[in-house]
Amino acid sequence: KDFFRTLLKNHNILPELMASKSYNVTKNEISFDDELYDVDKKKWVRKIQPPASSQPSYLEAHEHFLKEIFNVAFDEESGFLILTVEHLSPFFANDLLNIIVRELNEEARKVELLEVNETLSFLTQELTKNNTAAIRESISNLIESQLRSKMLAYSNEDFLLSYVDPPFIPERKSKPSRATICIAFFVAGLILSILFVIFRDAFHTYKKNY
């Protein structure tokens, strides 16, 4: 939740996450639900009961994000993480996945540098306090190790996650599947037809007997 809140703070993606209505492939434009979000005024206008506000909270958006948009899976065989983003706009999905990976790396780098700097500060103080050669040598080795970690944190962009297969813009939409929709309508129509025949015959039998 903390990471997602940082994501919303650093990137204006809440309207795309919570108010997207349709996507124009030709114009590469997302249309927003005008009952939720006013694009011209860049203002949330949805009507909702207090204490909730017109603008979705980060908790509400986070729940929707995990249920409908973002998915992470771990492949035990390869040890790889599989991150996927689903959205009406394939371009937004691609951009969002890149943003997530970049922000994860940046947040992990910040945490690492904070810990390294605190450790270096402590070790430097200890080095000035001790005159024993063996202890000073041990502390110096630890300082060298921490400086190496600091160098790697600064120089490595893919600090936490690196791509095996980079995000891509799909040529076909993942859902809804036209085949699935056709089969569902066919099955529903078949069931309704059977029920109609059964009730019709039952009605005629009832009318004939009474």
N, C-alpha and C. Protein backbone atom coordinates (compact mmCIF):
# COMPACT_ATOMS: atom_id res chain seq x y z
N LYS A 1 0.83 -1.21 0.00
CA LYS A 1 0.00 0.00 0.00
C LYS A 1 0.87 1.26 0.00
N ASP A 2 1.96 1.24 0.77
CA ASP A 2 2.86 2.40 0.81
C ASP A 2 3.47 2.65 -0.57
N PHE A 3 3.88 1.57 -1.22
CA PHE A 3 4.46 1.71 -2.56
C PHE A 3 3.42 2.25 -3.54
N PHE A 4 2.20 1.74 -3.46
CA PHE A 4 1.14 2.19 -4.37
C PHE A 4 0.82 3.66 -4.14
N ARG A 5 0.83 4.09 -2.89
CA ARG A 5 0.58 5.50 -2.57
C ARG A 5 1.68 6.37 -3.18
N THR A 6 2.92 5.90 -3.11
CA THR A 6 4.04 6.63 -3.73
C THR A 6 3.85 6.69 -5.24
N LEU A 7 3.36 5.60 -5.82
CA LEU A 7 3.11 5.54 -7.25
C LEU A 7 2.09 6.60 -7.67
N LEU A 8 1.02 6.73 -6.91
CA LEU A 8 -0.01 7.73 -7.21
C LEU A 8 0.51 9.14 -7.01
N LYS A 9 1.37 9.32 -6.02
CA LYS A 9 1.92 10.64 -5.71
C LYS A 9 2.86 11.12 -6.82
N ASN A 10 3.65 10.21 -7.34
CA ASN A 10 4.66 10.58 -8.34
C ASN A 10 4.14 10.62 -9.77
N HIS A 11 3.00 9.95 -10.00
CA HIS A 11 2.48 9.85 -11.37
C HIS A 11 0.96 10.06 -11.36
N ASN A 12 0.48 10.88 -12.25
CA ASN A 12 -0.95 11.19 -12.32
C ASN A 12 -1.68 10.09 -13.10
N ILE A 13 -1.90 8.94 -12.45
CA ILE A 13 -2.49 7.79 -13.13
C ILE A 13 -3.85 7.39 -12.56
N LEU A 14 -4.32 8.12 -11.53
CA LEU A 14 -5.58 7.75 -10.88
C LEU A 14 -6.77 7.78 -11.84
N PRO A 15 -6.93 8.82 -12.70
CA PRO A 15 -8.06 8.81 -13.63
C PRO A 15 -8.06 7.60 -14.56
N GLU A 16 -6.88 7.25 -15.07
CA GLU A 16 -6.79 6.08 -15.97
C GLU A 16 -7.12 4.78 -15.24
N LEU A 17 -6.76 4.73 -13.96
CA LEU A 17 -7.02 3.52 -13.18
C LEU A 17 -8.50 3.38 -12.81
N MET A 18 -9.13 4.50 -12.45
CA MET A 18 -10.45 4.43 -11.84
C MET A 18 -11.60 4.97 -12.68
N ALA A 19 -11.32 5.68 -13.77
CA ALA A 19 -12.42 6.31 -14.51
C ALA A 19 -12.40 6.01 -16.01
N SER A 20 -11.53 5.13 -16.46
CA SER A 20 -11.48 4.79 -17.89
C SER A 20 -12.78 4.11 -18.31
N LYS A 21 -13.30 4.53 -19.46
CA LYS A 21 -14.57 3.98 -19.95
C LYS A 21 -14.39 3.18 -21.24
N SER A 22 -13.61 3.74 -22.16
CA SER A 22 -13.37 3.07 -23.44
C SER A 22 -12.04 3.54 -24.03
N TYR A 23 -11.64 2.87 -25.10
CA TYR A 23 -10.36 3.20 -25.73
C TYR A 23 -10.53 3.26 -27.24
N ASN A 24 -10.09 4.36 -27.85
CA ASN A 24 -10.14 4.54 -29.29
C ASN A 24 -8.80 4.10 -29.88
N VAL A 25 -8.83 2.98 -30.59
CA VAL A 25 -7.59 2.42 -31.14
C VAL A 25 -6.98 3.34 -32.18
N THR A 26 -7.83 3.92 -33.05
CA THR A 26 -7.34 4.77 -34.13
C THR A 26 -6.64 6.01 -33.61
N LYS A 27 -7.26 6.67 -32.62
CA LYS A 27 -6.71 7.91 -32.08
C LYS A 27 -5.77 7.67 -30.89
N ASN A 28 -5.72 6.44 -30.42
CA ASN A 28 -4.95 6.11 -29.22
C ASN A 28 -5.34 7.03 -28.06
N GLU A 29 -6.65 7.08 -27.81
CA GLU A 29 -7.18 7.94 -26.75
C GLU A 29 -8.06 7.16 -25.79
N ILE A 30 -7.94 7.48 -24.53
CA ILE A 30 -8.80 6.89 -23.50
C ILE A 30 -9.96 7.83 -23.24
N SER A 31 -11.18 7.28 -23.26
CA SER A 31 -12.36 8.07 -22.90
C SER A 31 -12.69 7.78 -21.44
N PHE A 32 -13.07 8.84 -20.72
CA PHE A 32 -13.36 8.71 -19.30
C PHE A 32 -14.85 8.83 -19.04
N ASP A 33 -15.30 8.16 -18.00
CA ASP A 33 -16.69 8.23 -17.58
C ASP A 33 -16.96 9.62 -17.00
N ASP A 34 -17.79 10.42 -17.70
CA ASP A 34 -18.01 11.80 -17.26
C ASP A 34 -18.82 11.89 -15.98
N GLU A 35 -19.39 10.78 -15.54
CA GLU A 35 -20.08 10.78 -14.24
C GLU A 35 -19.10 10.57 -13.09
N LEU A 36 -17.87 10.23 -13.45
CA LEU A 36 -16.83 10.02 -12.43
C LEU A 36 -15.76 11.10 -12.47
N TYR A 37 -15.36 11.47 -13.69
CA TYR A 37 -14.21 12.38 -13.83
C TYR A 37 -14.43 13.37 -14.96
N ASP A 38 -14.25 14.66 -14.67
CA ASP A 38 -14.35 15.72 -15.67
C ASP A 38 -12.96 15.98 -16.24
N VAL A 39 -12.77 15.56 -17.50
CA VAL A 39 -11.44 15.66 -18.12
C VAL A 39 -11.02 17.11 -18.31
N ASP A 40 -11.94 17.95 -18.74
CA ASP A 40 -11.61 19.35 -19.02
C ASP A 40 -11.17 20.09 -17.75
N LYS A 41 -11.88 19.86 -16.67
CA LYS A 41 -11.56 20.53 -15.41
C LYS A 41 -10.56 19.74 -14.57
N LYS A 42 -10.26 18.50 -15.04
CA LYS A 42 -9.38 17.60 -14.29
C LYS A 42 -9.83 17.48 -12.83
N LYS A 43 -11.11 17.16 -12.71
CA LYS A 43 -11.74 17.13 -11.39
C LYS A 43 -12.64 15.89 -11.27
N TRP A 44 -12.61 15.27 -10.08
CA TRP A 44 -13.48 14.13 -9.82
C TRP A 44 -14.88 14.64 -9.46
N VAL A 45 -15.89 14.07 -10.11
CA VAL A 45 -17.27 14.56 -9.95
C VAL A 45 -18.24 13.47 -9.53
N ARG A 46 -17.72 12.30 -9.19
CA ARG A 46 -18.61 11.20 -8.86
C ARG A 46 -19.40 11.51 -7.58
N LYS A 47 -20.64 11.03 -7.56
CA LYS A 47 -21.50 11.24 -6.40
C LYS A 47 -21.41 10.02 -5.51
N ILE A 48 -20.99 10.24 -4.29
CA ILE A 48 -20.77 9.12 -3.36
C ILE A 48 -21.09 9.57 -1.95
N GLN A 49 -21.54 8.63 -1.15
CA GLN A 49 -21.93 8.95 0.22
C GLN A 49 -20.71 9.20 1.10
N PRO A 50 -20.78 10.24 1.96
CA PRO A 50 -19.71 10.46 2.95
C PRO A 50 -19.61 9.25 3.89
N PRO A 51 -18.46 8.96 4.47
CA PRO A 51 -17.25 9.80 4.51
C PRO A 51 -16.35 9.70 3.28
N ALA A 52 -16.73 8.86 2.30
CA ALA A 52 -15.93 8.77 1.09
C ALA A 52 -16.01 10.08 0.32
N SER A 53 -14.96 10.39 -0.46
CA SER A 53 -14.92 11.63 -1.22
C SER A 53 -15.07 11.35 -2.71
N SER A 54 -15.27 12.42 -3.48
CA SER A 54 -15.42 12.28 -4.93
C SER A 54 -14.18 11.63 -5.54
N GLN A 55 -13.02 12.06 -5.08
CA GLN A 55 -11.79 11.44 -5.57
C GLN A 55 -11.54 10.14 -4.82
N PRO A 56 -11.34 9.04 -5.54
CA PRO A 56 -11.08 7.76 -4.88
C PRO A 56 -9.85 7.83 -3.99
N SER A 57 -9.94 7.24 -2.82
CA SER A 57 -8.79 7.18 -1.92
C SER A 57 -7.76 6.20 -2.46
N TYR A 58 -6.55 6.29 -1.94
CA TYR A 58 -5.51 5.37 -2.40
C TYR A 58 -5.84 3.93 -2.00
N LEU A 59 -6.59 3.75 -0.90
CA LEU A 59 -6.99 2.41 -0.49
C LEU A 59 -8.01 1.82 -1.46
N GLU A 60 -8.96 2.64 -1.88
CA GLU A 60 -9.96 2.19 -2.85
C GLU A 60 -9.29 1.87 -4.19
N ALA A 61 -8.40 2.76 -4.60
CA ALA A 61 -7.69 2.56 -5.87
C ALA A 61 -6.78 1.34 -5.79
N HIS A 62 -6.16 1.13 -4.65
CA HIS A 62 -5.27 -0.02 -4.46
C HIS A 62 -6.03 -1.33 -4.59
N GLU A 63 -7.22 -1.39 -4.01
CA GLU A 63 -8.05 -2.59 -4.11
C GLU A 63 -8.43 -2.88 -5.56
N HIS A 64 -8.84 -1.84 -6.27
CA HIS A 64 -9.20 -1.99 -7.69
C HIS A 64 -7.97 -2.38 -8.51
N PHE A 65 -6.83 -1.79 -8.18
CA PHE A 65 -5.57 -2.05 -8.88
C PHE A 65 -5.20 -3.53 -8.80
N LEU A 66 -5.33 -4.11 -7.61
CA LEU A 66 -4.96 -5.52 -7.42
C LEU A 66 -5.98 -6.48 -8.02
N LYS A 67 -7.25 -6.09 -8.01
CA LYS A 67 -8.30 -6.97 -8.51
C LYS A 67 -8.41 -6.96 -10.03
N GLU A 68 -8.27 -5.78 -10.63
CA GLU A 68 -8.61 -5.62 -12.03
C GLU A 68 -7.43 -5.31 -12.95
N ILE A 69 -6.33 -4.80 -12.41
CA ILE A 69 -5.29 -4.27 -13.30
C ILE A 69 -3.95 -4.98 -13.19
N PHE A 70 -3.47 -5.14 -11.98
CA PHE A 70 -2.10 -5.65 -11.78
C PHE A 70 -2.11 -7.07 -11.25
N ASN A 71 -1.19 -7.85 -11.78
CA ASN A 71 -1.04 -9.22 -11.28
C ASN A 71 0.44 -9.59 -11.25
N VAL A 72 0.82 -10.31 -10.20
CA VAL A 72 2.20 -10.79 -10.09
C VAL A 72 2.18 -12.27 -9.77
N ALA A 73 3.00 -13.02 -10.47
CA ALA A 73 3.10 -14.46 -10.25
C ALA A 73 4.57 -14.85 -10.17
N PHE A 74 4.83 -15.93 -9.44
CA PHE A 74 6.20 -16.40 -9.27
C PHE A 74 6.33 -17.78 -9.90
N ASP A 75 7.25 -17.90 -10.85
CA ASP A 75 7.52 -19.17 -11.51
C ASP A 75 8.58 -19.92 -10.70
N GLU A 76 8.15 -20.94 -9.96
CA GLU A 76 9.07 -21.67 -9.08
C GLU A 76 10.16 -22.39 -9.86
N GLU A 77 9.84 -22.81 -11.09
CA GLU A 77 10.81 -23.56 -11.88
C GLU A 77 12.00 -22.68 -12.31
N SER A 78 11.68 -21.48 -12.80
CA SER A 78 12.73 -20.59 -13.31
C SER A 78 13.19 -19.58 -12.27
N GLY A 79 12.34 -19.33 -11.25
CA GLY A 79 12.66 -18.32 -10.26
C GLY A 79 12.35 -16.91 -10.72
N PHE A 80 11.61 -16.79 -11.83
CA PHE A 80 11.28 -15.47 -12.37
C PHE A 80 9.96 -14.96 -11.81
N LEU A 81 9.87 -13.63 -11.70
CA LEU A 81 8.61 -12.97 -11.38
C LEU A 81 7.94 -12.57 -12.69
N ILE A 82 6.65 -12.81 -12.77
CA ILE A 82 5.88 -12.44 -13.96
C ILE A 82 4.91 -11.33 -13.56
N LEU A 83 5.17 -10.11 -14.06
CA LEU A 83 4.33 -8.97 -13.76
C LEU A 83 3.47 -8.64 -14.97
N THR A 84 2.18 -8.48 -14.78
CA THR A 84 1.29 -8.15 -15.88
C THR A 84 0.36 -7.01 -15.48
N VAL A 85 0.05 -6.17 -16.46
CA VAL A 85 -0.90 -5.08 -16.29
C VAL A 85 -1.94 -5.18 -17.38
N GLU A 86 -3.21 -5.15 -17.02
CA GLU A 86 -4.31 -5.17 -17.98
C GLU A 86 -5.06 -3.85 -17.91
N HIS A 87 -5.31 -3.26 -19.08
CA HIS A 87 -6.03 -1.99 -19.14
C HIS A 87 -6.68 -1.87 -20.50
N LEU A 88 -7.69 -0.98 -20.60
CA LEU A 88 -8.35 -0.73 -21.88
C LEU A 88 -7.34 -0.27 -22.93
N SER A 89 -6.39 0.56 -22.50
CA SER A 89 -5.35 1.06 -23.40
C SER A 89 -4.09 0.22 -23.28
N PRO A 90 -3.65 -0.43 -24.36
CA PRO A 90 -2.41 -1.21 -24.30
C PRO A 90 -1.19 -0.32 -24.07
N PHE A 91 -1.25 0.93 -24.54
CA PHE A 91 -0.13 1.85 -24.36
C PHE A 91 -0.01 2.26 -22.89
N PHE A 92 -1.16 2.52 -22.26
CA PHE A 92 -1.11 2.86 -20.84
C PHE A 92 -0.64 1.67 -20.02
N ALA A 93 -1.09 0.47 -20.38
CA ALA A 93 -0.66 -0.74 -19.67
C ALA A 93 0.85 -0.91 -19.77
N ASN A 94 1.40 -0.69 -20.96
CA ASN A 94 2.84 -0.79 -21.17
C ASN A 94 3.59 0.26 -20.34
N ASP A 95 3.11 1.51 -20.39
CA ASP A 95 3.76 2.58 -19.64
C ASP A 95 3.69 2.34 -18.13
N LEU A 96 2.52 1.88 -17.67
CA LEU A 96 2.34 1.65 -16.23
C LEU A 96 3.27 0.56 -15.73
N LEU A 97 3.42 -0.51 -16.50
CA LEU A 97 4.30 -1.60 -16.08
C LEU A 97 5.75 -1.13 -16.00
N ASN A 98 6.16 -0.30 -16.96
CA ASN A 98 7.51 0.27 -16.92
C ASN A 98 7.69 1.17 -15.70
N ILE A 99 6.65 1.96 -15.40
CA ILE A 99 6.69 2.84 -14.23
C ILE A 99 6.82 2.03 -12.95
N ILE A 100 6.05 0.96 -12.83
CA ILE A 100 6.07 0.11 -11.63
C ILE A 100 7.47 -0.45 -11.39
N VAL A 101 8.07 -1.00 -12.44
CA VAL A 101 9.40 -1.60 -12.31
C VAL A 101 10.43 -0.52 -11.95
N ARG A 102 10.34 0.63 -12.63
CA ARG A 102 11.29 1.72 -12.37
C ARG A 102 11.16 2.24 -10.93
N GLU A 103 9.92 2.40 -10.47
CA GLU A 103 9.69 2.90 -9.11
C GLU A 103 10.12 1.87 -8.06
N LEU A 104 9.89 0.59 -8.34
CA LEU A 104 10.34 -0.46 -7.42
C LEU A 104 11.86 -0.43 -7.27
N ASN A 105 12.55 -0.30 -8.39
CA ASN A 105 14.02 -0.22 -8.35
C ASN A 105 14.48 1.01 -7.58
N GLU A 106 13.79 2.14 -7.81
CA GLU A 106 14.18 3.39 -7.16
C GLU A 106 13.95 3.33 -5.65
N GLU A 107 12.78 2.77 -5.25
CA GLU A 107 12.47 2.67 -3.82
C GLU A 107 13.46 1.73 -3.12
N ALA A 108 13.79 0.61 -3.77
CA ALA A 108 14.75 -0.34 -3.19
C ALA A 108 16.13 0.29 -3.08
N ARG A 109 16.50 1.11 -4.08
CA ARG A 109 17.79 1.78 -4.05
C ARG A 109 17.86 2.79 -2.89
N LYS A 110 16.77 3.53 -2.68
CA LYS A 110 16.72 4.51 -1.59
C LYS A 110 16.88 3.83 -0.23
N VAL A 111 16.20 2.71 -0.05
CA VAL A 111 16.28 1.96 1.21
C VAL A 111 17.71 1.46 1.43
N GLU A 112 18.30 0.91 0.37
CA GLU A 112 19.67 0.39 0.46
C GLU A 112 20.67 1.49 0.80
N LEU A 113 20.54 2.64 0.14
CA LEU A 113 21.47 3.75 0.38
C LEU A 113 21.31 4.30 1.79
N LEU A 114 20.08 4.35 2.27
CA LEU A 114 19.84 4.83 3.63
C LEU A 114 20.52 3.92 4.65
N GLU A 115 20.36 2.61 4.45
CA GLU A 115 20.97 1.64 5.37
C GLU A 115 22.50 1.69 5.29
N VAL A 116 23.02 1.79 4.06
CA VAL A 116 24.47 1.84 3.87
C VAL A 116 25.06 3.09 4.53
N ASN A 117 24.42 4.24 4.34
CA ASN A 117 24.93 5.50 4.92
C ASN A 117 24.90 5.46 6.45
N GLU A 118 23.85 4.87 7.01
CA GLU A 118 23.78 4.75 8.47
C GLU A 118 24.88 3.82 8.98
N THR A 119 25.10 2.72 8.25
CA THR A 119 26.16 1.78 8.64
C THR A 119 27.54 2.42 8.53
N LEU A 120 27.75 3.16 7.44
CA LEU A 120 29.05 3.84 7.26
C LEU A 120 29.29 4.87 8.36
N SER A 121 28.26 5.58 8.74
CA SER A 121 28.39 6.58 9.81
C SER A 121 28.78 5.91 11.11
N PHE A 122 28.13 4.79 11.40
CA PHE A 122 28.44 4.05 12.63
C PHE A 122 29.87 3.50 12.60
N LEU A 123 30.25 2.89 11.47
CA LEU A 123 31.59 2.29 11.36
C LEU A 123 32.69 3.36 11.44
N THR A 124 32.43 4.51 10.84
CA THR A 124 33.42 5.60 10.88
C THR A 124 33.65 6.08 12.31
N GLN A 125 32.57 6.18 13.07
CA GLN A 125 32.68 6.58 14.48
C GLN A 125 33.45 5.54 15.28
N GLU A 126 33.17 4.27 15.01
CA GLU A 126 33.85 3.19 15.73
C GLU A 126 35.33 3.16 15.40
N LEU A 127 35.64 3.51 14.14
CA LEU A 127 37.04 3.49 13.70
C LEU A 127 37.86 4.53 14.47
N THR A 128 37.27 5.66 14.75
CA THR A 128 37.98 6.71 15.49
C THR A 128 38.13 6.37 16.98
N LYS A 129 37.28 5.49 17.49
CA LYS A 129 37.31 5.14 18.91
C LYS A 129 38.33 4.05 19.24
N ASN A 130 38.63 3.20 18.26
CA ASN A 130 39.48 2.04 18.52
C ASN A 130 40.90 2.25 17.99
N ASN A 131 41.83 1.86 18.80
CA ASN A 131 43.24 1.95 18.41
C ASN A 131 43.85 0.58 18.15
N THR A 132 43.08 -0.47 18.46
CA THR A 132 43.60 -1.82 18.23
C THR A 132 43.70 -2.09 16.74
N ALA A 133 44.84 -2.54 16.30
CA ALA A 133 45.10 -2.73 14.88
C ALA A 133 44.13 -3.73 14.25
N ALA A 134 43.89 -4.85 14.93
CA ALA A 134 43.03 -5.90 14.38
C ALA A 134 41.60 -5.41 14.19
N ILE A 135 41.12 -4.69 15.22
CA ILE A 135 39.73 -4.18 15.15
C ILE A 135 39.63 -3.11 14.06
N ARG A 136 40.63 -2.24 13.97
CA ARG A 136 40.62 -1.19 12.95
C ARG A 136 40.64 -1.80 11.55
N GLU A 137 41.38 -2.89 11.39
CA GLU A 137 41.43 -3.55 10.09
C GLU A 137 40.07 -4.16 9.74
N SER A 138 39.41 -4.78 10.73
CA SER A 138 38.08 -5.36 10.51
C SER A 138 37.06 -4.29 10.12
N ILE A 139 37.12 -3.18 10.86
CA ILE A 139 36.19 -2.07 10.57
C ILE A 139 36.47 -1.50 9.18
N SER A 140 37.71 -1.38 8.82
CA SER A 140 38.09 -0.86 7.49
C SER A 140 37.56 -1.76 6.37
N ASN A 141 37.65 -3.08 6.61
CA ASN A 141 37.12 -4.03 5.63
C ASN A 141 35.60 -3.89 5.49
N LEU A 142 34.93 -3.68 6.63
CA LEU A 142 33.48 -3.49 6.60
C LEU A 142 33.11 -2.20 5.87
N ILE A 143 33.88 -1.15 6.10
CA ILE A 143 33.64 0.12 5.42
C ILE A 143 33.84 -0.04 3.91
N GLU A 144 34.87 -0.77 3.53
CA GLU A 144 35.12 -1.03 2.12
C GLU A 144 33.95 -1.78 1.47
N SER A 145 33.42 -2.77 2.21
CA SER A 145 32.28 -3.55 1.72
C SER A 145 31.04 -2.67 1.54
N GLN A 146 30.81 -1.77 2.51
CA GLN A 146 29.65 -0.88 2.43
C GLN A 146 29.80 0.13 1.30
N LEU A 147 31.01 0.61 1.08
CA LEU A 147 31.25 1.54 -0.03
C LEU A 147 31.02 0.87 -1.37
N ARG A 148 31.37 -0.42 -1.44
CA ARG A 148 31.12 -1.18 -2.67
C ARG A 148 29.61 -1.31 -2.92
N SER A 149 28.86 -1.57 -1.84
CA SER A 149 27.39 -1.66 -1.95
C SER A 149 26.79 -0.33 -2.40
N LYS A 150 27.35 0.75 -1.86
CA LYS A 150 26.88 2.10 -2.22
C LYS A 150 27.16 2.39 -3.68
N MET A 151 28.31 2.00 -4.15
CA MET A 151 28.67 2.20 -5.56
C MET A 151 27.72 1.44 -6.48
N LEU A 152 27.41 0.20 -6.12
CA LEU A 152 26.50 -0.62 -6.93
C LEU A 152 25.10 -0.03 -6.94
N ALA A 153 24.67 0.49 -5.80
CA ALA A 153 23.34 1.08 -5.71
C ALA A 153 23.22 2.30 -6.62
N TYR A 154 24.28 3.10 -6.71
CA TYR A 154 24.27 4.29 -7.55
C TYR A 154 24.40 3.95 -9.03
N SER A 155 25.18 2.93 -9.34
CA SER A 155 25.50 2.65 -10.74
C SER A 155 24.53 1.71 -11.43
N ASN A 156 23.78 0.90 -10.65
CA ASN A 156 22.92 -0.11 -11.25
C ASN A 156 21.46 0.37 -11.28
N GLU A 157 20.95 0.67 -12.49
CA GLU A 157 19.56 1.12 -12.62
C GLU A 157 18.59 0.00 -12.25
N ASP A 158 18.89 -1.22 -12.67
CA ASP A 158 18.04 -2.37 -12.36
C ASP A 158 18.48 -2.94 -11.01
N PHE A 159 18.27 -2.16 -9.98
CA PHE A 159 18.81 -2.52 -8.67
C PHE A 159 18.09 -3.72 -8.06
N LEU A 160 16.77 -3.75 -8.17
CA LEU A 160 15.98 -4.83 -7.58
C LEU A 160 15.47 -5.80 -8.63
N LEU A 161 14.91 -5.25 -9.71
CA LEU A 161 14.35 -6.06 -10.78
C LEU A 161 15.01 -5.72 -12.11
N SER A 162 15.29 -6.73 -12.89
CA SER A 162 15.78 -6.51 -14.25
C SER A 162 14.93 -7.35 -15.20
N TYR A 163 14.76 -6.84 -16.41
CA TYR A 163 13.88 -7.50 -17.38
C TYR A 163 14.54 -8.74 -17.98
N VAL A 164 13.76 -9.81 -18.05
CA VAL A 164 14.11 -10.95 -18.88
C VAL A 164 13.37 -10.79 -20.21
N ASP A 165 12.10 -10.41 -20.10
CA ASP A 165 11.27 -10.12 -21.27
C ASP A 165 10.61 -8.76 -21.01
N PRO A 166 11.10 -7.68 -21.64
CA PRO A 166 10.57 -6.33 -21.36
C PRO A 166 9.09 -6.21 -21.69
N PRO A 167 8.38 -5.26 -21.07
CA PRO A 167 6.98 -5.02 -21.41
C PRO A 167 6.82 -4.68 -22.88
N PHE A 168 5.71 -5.08 -23.46
CA PHE A 168 5.46 -4.81 -24.88
C PHE A 168 4.00 -4.43 -25.06
N ILE A 169 3.72 -3.75 -26.17
CA ILE A 169 2.35 -3.35 -26.48
C ILE A 169 1.73 -4.47 -27.31
N PRO A 170 0.72 -5.16 -26.78
CA PRO A 170 0.12 -6.29 -27.50
C PRO A 170 -0.64 -5.84 -28.75
N GLU A 171 -0.69 -6.70 -29.75
CA GLU A 171 -1.42 -6.40 -30.98
C GLU A 171 -2.89 -6.80 -30.85
N ARG A 172 -3.16 -7.72 -29.93
CA ARG A 172 -4.54 -8.17 -29.73
C ARG A 172 -4.93 -7.97 -28.28
N LYS A 173 -6.19 -7.63 -28.06
CA LYS A 173 -6.66 -7.45 -26.69
C LYS A 173 -6.76 -8.80 -26.00
N SER A 174 -6.51 -8.81 -24.72
CA SER A 174 -6.51 -10.06 -23.95
C SER A 174 -7.92 -10.50 -23.59
N LYS A 175 -8.81 -9.54 -23.40
CA LYS A 175 -10.20 -9.84 -23.09
C LYS A 175 -11.06 -8.63 -23.38
N PRO A 176 -12.38 -8.79 -23.55
CA PRO A 176 -13.08 -10.07 -23.54
C PRO A 176 -12.85 -10.85 -24.83
N SER A 177 -12.89 -12.17 -24.74
CA SER A 177 -12.69 -13.03 -25.89
C SER A 177 -13.98 -13.13 -26.70
N ARG A 178 -13.90 -12.82 -27.98
CA ARG A 178 -15.11 -12.90 -28.82
C ARG A 178 -15.65 -14.32 -28.87
N ALA A 179 -14.73 -15.28 -28.94
CA ALA A 179 -15.16 -16.68 -29.00
C ALA A 179 -15.92 -17.06 -27.73
N THR A 180 -15.41 -16.63 -26.59
CA THR A 180 -16.08 -16.93 -25.31
C THR A 180 -17.45 -16.28 -25.25
N ILE A 181 -17.54 -15.02 -25.72
CA ILE A 181 -18.82 -14.32 -25.73
C ILE A 181 -19.83 -15.03 -26.62
N CYS A 182 -19.38 -15.43 -27.82
CA CYS A 182 -20.27 -16.13 -28.76
C CYS A 182 -20.77 -17.45 -28.18
N ILE A 183 -19.86 -18.20 -27.54
CA ILE A 183 -20.25 -19.48 -26.94
C ILE A 183 -21.23 -19.25 -25.80
N ALA A 184 -20.94 -18.21 -24.99
CA ALA A 184 -21.83 -17.90 -23.85
C ALA A 184 -23.23 -17.54 -24.33
N PHE A 185 -23.32 -16.70 -25.37
CA PHE A 185 -24.63 -16.33 -25.91
C PHE A 185 -25.34 -17.53 -26.53
N PHE A 186 -24.57 -18.40 -27.20
CA PHE A 186 -25.16 -19.59 -27.81
C PHE A 186 -25.75 -20.51 -26.75
N VAL A 187 -24.96 -20.75 -25.68
CA VAL A 187 -25.43 -21.62 -24.59
C VAL A 187 -26.65 -21.01 -23.90
N ALA A 188 -26.59 -19.69 -23.64
CA ALA A 188 -27.71 -19.02 -22.99
C ALA A 188 -28.96 -19.09 -23.86
N GLY A 189 -28.78 -18.87 -25.17
CA GLY A 189 -29.92 -18.95 -26.09
C GLY A 189 -30.49 -20.35 -26.16
N LEU A 190 -29.61 -21.37 -26.14
CA LEU A 190 -30.06 -22.76 -26.18
C LEU A 190 -30.87 -23.11 -24.94
N ILE A 191 -30.36 -22.67 -23.76
CA ILE A 191 -31.06 -22.95 -22.51
C ILE A 191 -32.42 -22.26 -22.49
N LEU A 192 -32.47 -21.01 -22.93
CA LEU A 192 -33.74 -20.28 -22.96
C LEU A 192 -34.73 -20.92 -23.92
N SER A 193 -34.23 -21.41 -25.07
CA SER A 193 -35.11 -22.08 -26.05
C SER A 193 -35.70 -23.35 -25.46
N ILE A 194 -34.86 -24.14 -24.77
CA ILE A 194 -35.33 -25.39 -24.15
C ILE A 194 -36.37 -25.10 -23.07
N LEU A 195 -36.07 -24.08 -22.23
CA LEU A 195 -37.02 -23.71 -21.17
C LEU A 195 -38.33 -23.22 -21.76
N PHE A 196 -38.25 -22.47 -22.89
CA PHE A 196 -39.47 -21.98 -23.54
C PHE A 196 -40.33 -23.14 -24.02
N VAL A 197 -39.69 -24.13 -24.64
CA VAL A 197 -40.43 -25.30 -25.15
C VAL A 197 -41.06 -26.08 -24.01
N ILE A 198 -40.29 -26.25 -22.93
CA ILE A 198 -40.81 -27.02 -21.78
C ILE A 198 -42.01 -26.33 -21.16
N PHE A 199 -41.89 -25.01 -20.93
CA PHE A 199 -43.00 -24.27 -20.32
C PHE A 199 -44.20 -24.17 -21.26
N ARG A 200 -43.92 -24.07 -22.57
CA ARG A 200 -45.02 -24.00 -23.54
C ARG A 200 -45.80 -25.30 -23.54
N ASP A 201 -45.08 -26.43 -23.57
CA ASP A 201 -45.76 -27.74 -23.56
C ASP A 201 -46.51 -27.95 -22.26
N ALA A 202 -45.89 -27.51 -21.15
CA ALA A 202 -46.54 -27.66 -19.85
C ALA A 202 -47.81 -26.82 -19.78
N PHE A 203 -47.74 -25.61 -20.37
CA PHE A 203 -48.91 -24.73 -20.36
C PHE A 203 -50.04 -25.32 -21.19
N HIS A 204 -49.70 -25.86 -22.38
CA HIS A 204 -50.73 -26.47 -23.24
C HIS A 204 -51.36 -27.69 -22.58
N THR A 205 -50.53 -28.48 -21.88
CA THR A 205 -51.04 -29.67 -21.18
C THR A 205 -51.97 -29.26 -20.07
N TYR A 206 -51.59 -28.22 -19.32
CA TYR A 206 -52.41 -27.72 -18.21
C TYR A 206 -53.74 -27.18 -18.75
N LYS A 207 -53.65 -26.44 -19.86
CA LYS A 207 -54.87 -25.83 -20.46
C LYS A 207 -55.80 -26.92 -20.98
N LYS A 208 -55.23 -27.99 -21.53
CA LYS A 208 -56.03 -29.07 -22.10
C LYS A 208 -56.75 -29.85 -20.99
N ASN A 209 -56.06 -30.05 -19.88
CA ASN A 209 -56.65 -30.82 -18.79
C ASN A 209 -57.69 -30.04 -18.00
N TYR A 210 -57.54 -28.71 -17.96
CA TYR A 210 -58.45 -27.91 -17.15
C TYR A 210 -59.28 -26.96 -17.99
